C-alpha atoms as a PDB file:
ATOM      1  CA  UNK A   1      -5.403   2.848 -22.040  1.00  0.00           C
ATOM      2  CA  UNK A   2      -1.846   4.078 -22.435  1.00  0.00           C
ATOM      3  CA  UNK A   3       0.846   2.639 -20.205  1.00  0.00           C
ATOM      4  CA  UNK A   4       1.566   6.077 -18.718  1.00  0.00           C
ATOM      5  CA  UNK A   5      -1.972   6.221 -17.284  1.00  0.00           C
ATOM      6  CA  UNK A   6      -1.450   2.891 -15.509  1.00  0.00           C
ATOM      7  CA  UNK A   7       1.858   4.171 -14.140  1.00  0.00           C
ATOM      8  CA  UNK A   8       0.157   7.339 -12.834  1.00  0.00           C
ATOM      9  CA  UNK A   9      -2.689   5.384 -11.253  1.00  0.00           C
ATOM     10  CA  UNK A  10      -0.235   2.986  -9.613  1.00  0.00           C
ATOM     11  CA  UNK A  11       1.949   5.776  -8.130  1.00  0.00           C
ATOM     12  CA  UNK A  12      -1.097   7.809  -7.042  1.00  0.00           C
ATOM     13  CA  UNK A  13      -2.412   4.704  -5.273  1.00  0.00           C
ATOM     14  CA  UNK A  14       0.906   4.253  -3.494  1.00  0.00           C
ATOM     15  CA  UNK A  15       0.894   7.901  -2.383  1.00  0.00           C
ATOM     16  CA  UNK A  16      -2.701   7.624  -1.052  1.00  0.00           C
ATOM     17  CA  UNK A  17      -2.007   4.360   0.745  1.00  0.00           C
ATOM     18  CA  UNK A  18       1.197   5.415   2.474  1.00  0.00           C
ATOM     19  CA  UNK A  19      -0.161   8.900   3.357  1.00  0.00           C
ATOM     20  CA  UNK A  20      -3.278   7.408   4.906  1.00  0.00           C
ATOM     21  CA  UNK A  21      -1.327   4.799   6.784  1.00  0.00           C
ATOM     22  CA  UNK A  22       1.035   7.448   8.090  1.00  0.00           C
ATOM     23  CA  UNK A  23      -1.859   9.511   9.379  1.00  0.00           C
ATOM     24  CA  UNK A  24      -3.631   6.460  10.900  1.00  0.00           C
ATOM     25  CA  UNK A  25      -0.447   5.253  12.569  1.00  0.00           C
ATOM     26  CA  UNK A  26       0.189   8.724  13.957  1.00  0.00           C
ATOM     27  CA  UNK A  27      -3.375   8.850  15.270  1.00  0.00           C
ATOM     28  CA  UNK A  28      -2.949   5.432  16.924  1.00  0.00           C
ATOM     29  CA  UNK A  29       0.506   6.345  18.345  1.00  0.00           C
ATOM     30  CA  UNK A  30      -0.833   9.522  19.893  1.00  0.00           C
ATOM     31  CA  UNK A  31      -3.840   7.787  21.356  1.00  0.00           C
ATOM     32  CA  UNK A  32      -6.296   9.928  19.458  1.00  0.00           C
ATOM     33  CA  UNK A  33      -9.791   8.596  18.882  1.00  0.00           C
ATOM     34  CA  UNK A  34     -10.718  11.088  16.133  1.00  0.00           C
ATOM     35  CA  UNK A  35     -13.450   9.281  14.182  1.00  0.00           C
ATOM     36  CA  UNK A  36     -13.162  11.710  11.208  1.00  0.00           C
ATOM     37  CA  UNK A  37      -9.515  10.923  10.748  1.00  0.00           C
ATOM     38  CA  UNK A  38     -10.161   7.211  11.090  1.00  0.00           C
ATOM     39  CA  UNK A  39     -12.866   7.402   8.349  1.00  0.00           C
ATOM     40  CA  UNK A  40     -10.697   9.538   6.092  1.00  0.00           C
ATOM     41  CA  UNK A  41      -7.765   7.118   6.522  1.00  0.00           C
ATOM     42  CA  UNK A  42     -10.005   4.119   5.845  1.00  0.00           C
ATOM     43  CA  UNK A  43     -11.450   5.575   2.662  1.00  0.00           C
ATOM     44  CA  UNK A  44      -8.157   6.908   1.293  1.00  0.00           C
ATOM     45  CA  UNK A  45      -6.357   3.618   2.033  1.00  0.00           C
ATOM     46  CA  UNK A  46      -9.106   1.673   0.331  1.00  0.00           C
ATOM     47  CA  UNK A  47      -8.974   3.901  -2.779  1.00  0.00           C
ATOM     48  CA  UNK A  48      -5.160   3.696  -2.689  1.00  0.00           C
ATOM     49  CA  UNK A  49      -5.190  -0.080  -2.526  1.00  0.00           C
ATOM     50  CA  UNK A  50      -7.627  -0.189  -5.447  1.00  0.00           C
ATOM     51  CA  UNK A  51      -5.530   2.156  -7.572  1.00  0.00           C
ATOM     52  CA  UNK A  52      -2.336   0.195  -6.771  1.00  0.00           C
ATOM     53  CA  UNK A  53      -4.059  -2.955  -7.918  1.00  0.00           C
ATOM     54  CA  UNK A  54      -5.623  -1.400 -11.029  1.00  0.00           C
ATOM     55  CA  UNK A  55      -2.431   0.315 -12.121  1.00  0.00           C
ATOM     56  CA  UNK A  56      -0.248  -2.671 -11.277  1.00  0.00           C
ATOM     57  CA  UNK A  57      -2.309  -5.215 -13.223  1.00  0.00           C
ATOM     58  CA  UNK A  58      -2.734  -2.706 -16.059  1.00  0.00           C
ATOM     59  CA  UNK A  59       1.052  -2.441 -16.280  1.00  0.00           C
ATOM     60  CA  UNK A  60       1.387  -6.204 -16.050  1.00  0.00           C
ATOM     61  CA  UNK A  61      -0.989  -6.650 -18.955  1.00  0.00           C
ATOM     62  CA  UNK A  62       0.518  -3.851 -21.069  1.00  0.00           C
ATOM     63  CA  UNK A  63       4.060  -5.160 -20.682  1.00  0.00           C
ATOM     64  CA  UNK A  64       2.990  -8.851 -21.126  1.00  0.00           C
ATOM     65  CA  UNK A  65       5.188  -9.982 -18.280  1.00  0.00           C
ATOM     66  CA  UNK A  66       3.030 -12.865 -16.931  1.00  0.00           C
ATOM     67  CA  UNK A  67       3.447 -13.665 -13.244  1.00  0.00           C
ATOM     68  CA  UNK A  68       7.177 -13.779 -12.338  1.00  0.00           C
ATOM     69  CA  UNK A  69       8.117 -14.484  -8.724  1.00  0.00           C
ATOM     70  CA  UNK A  70       8.883 -10.831  -7.938  1.00  0.00           C
ATOM     71  CA  UNK A  71       5.321  -9.912  -8.932  1.00  0.00           C
ATOM     72  CA  UNK A  72       3.930 -12.555  -6.544  1.00  0.00           C
ATOM     73  CA  UNK A  73       6.016 -10.985  -3.793  1.00  0.00           C
ATOM     74  CA  UNK A  74       4.397  -7.612  -4.572  1.00  0.00           C
ATOM     75  CA  UNK A  75       0.918  -9.210  -4.518  1.00  0.00           C
ATOM     76  CA  UNK A  76       1.613 -10.687  -1.080  1.00  0.00           C
ATOM     77  CA  UNK A  77       2.823  -7.239   0.090  1.00  0.00           C
ATOM     78  CA  UNK A  78      -0.415  -5.703  -1.240  1.00  0.00           C
ATOM     79  CA  UNK A  79      -2.468  -8.258   0.733  1.00  0.00           C
ATOM     80  CA  UNK A  80      -0.474  -7.647   3.944  1.00  0.00           C
ATOM     81  CA  UNK A  81      -0.792  -3.850   3.530  1.00  0.00           C
ATOM     82  CA  UNK A  82      -4.527  -4.294   3.086  1.00  0.00           C
ATOM     83  CA  UNK A  83      -4.755  -6.269   6.309  1.00  0.00           C
ATOM     84  CA  UNK A  84      -2.652  -3.681   8.153  1.00  0.00           C
ATOM     85  CA  UNK A  85      -5.568  -1.284   8.281  1.00  0.00           C
ATOM     86  CA  UNK A  86      -7.305  -3.617  10.736  1.00  0.00           C
ATOM     87  CA  UNK A  87      -4.172  -3.915  12.880  1.00  0.00           C
ATOM     88  CA  UNK A  88      -3.631  -0.131  12.925  1.00  0.00           C
ATOM     89  CA  UNK A  89      -7.195   0.545  14.051  1.00  0.00           C
ATOM     90  CA  UNK A  90      -7.619  -2.330  16.516  1.00  0.00           C
ATOM     91  CA  UNK A  91      -4.126  -2.520  18.058  1.00  0.00           C
ATOM     92  CA  UNK A  92      -2.952   1.065  18.650  1.00  0.00           C
ATOM     93  CA  UNK A  93      -0.210  -0.272  20.943  1.00  0.00           C
ATOM     94  CA  UNK A  94       1.449  -1.729  17.808  1.00  0.00           C
ATOM     95  CA  UNK A  95       1.663   1.700  16.098  1.00  0.00           C
ATOM     96  CA  UNK A  96       5.446   1.940  16.166  1.00  0.00           C
ATOM     97  CA  UNK A  97       6.123  -1.614  14.920  1.00  0.00           C
ATOM     98  CA  UNK A  98       3.450  -1.152  12.229  1.00  0.00           C
ATOM     99  CA  UNK A  99       5.160   2.073  11.151  1.00  0.00           C
ATOM    100  CA  UNK A 100       8.436   0.266  10.582  1.00  0.00           C
ATOM    101  CA  UNK A 101       6.653  -2.711   8.982  1.00  0.00           C
ATOM    102  CA  UNK A 102       4.913  -0.424   6.495  1.00  0.00           C
ATOM    103  CA  UNK A 103       8.218   1.236   5.645  1.00  0.00           C
ATOM    104  CA  UNK A 104       9.882  -2.168   5.265  1.00  0.00           C
ATOM    105  CA  UNK A 105       7.166  -3.541   3.016  1.00  0.00           C
ATOM    106  CA  UNK A 106       7.352  -0.477   0.837  1.00  0.00           C
ATOM    107  CA  UNK A 107      11.126  -0.861   0.571  1.00  0.00           C
ATOM    108  CA  UNK A 108      10.801  -4.552  -0.403  1.00  0.00           C
ATOM    109  CA  UNK A 109       8.186  -3.631  -3.041  1.00  0.00           C
ATOM    110  CA  UNK A 110      10.536  -1.071  -4.524  1.00  0.00           C
ATOM    111  CA  UNK A 111      13.377  -3.577  -4.565  1.00  0.00           C
ATOM    112  CA  UNK A 112      11.197  -6.078  -6.368  1.00  0.00           C
ATOM    113  CA  UNK A 113      10.170  -3.676  -9.142  1.00  0.00           C
ATOM    114  CA  UNK A 114      13.608  -2.148  -9.631  1.00  0.00           C
ATOM    115  CA  UNK A 115      15.836  -5.235  -9.294  1.00  0.00           C
ATOM    116  CA  UNK A 116      13.374  -7.963 -10.407  1.00  0.00           C
ATOM    117  CA  UNK A 117      15.500 -10.526  -8.549  1.00  0.00           C
ATOM    118  CA  UNK A 118      13.487 -13.610  -9.399  1.00  0.00           C
END
């Protein structure tokens, strides 16, 4: 597959993931128990996580970059973001800190890919 397709899949996954987490965090913060929104957020975050992984490893293979430290940081961020779905749904009182944590993890991921500090 062309490298541009992997880039599109990666960015689409990021959009899905952060949009679904935003909706789920807002639902938790407002104290809503809307099951439809919870299911939609769960499905879209799962698809987003999959596309982020597929696109990211596709780019890693296409560019032949191996596994530098900055990529490991992004993999850890991906794992933490995957676990956040459980925290968002089971601990609604943590909605505001989880909002800022999600934003912070996204910012660190962007720094890693742009600056490649390690």
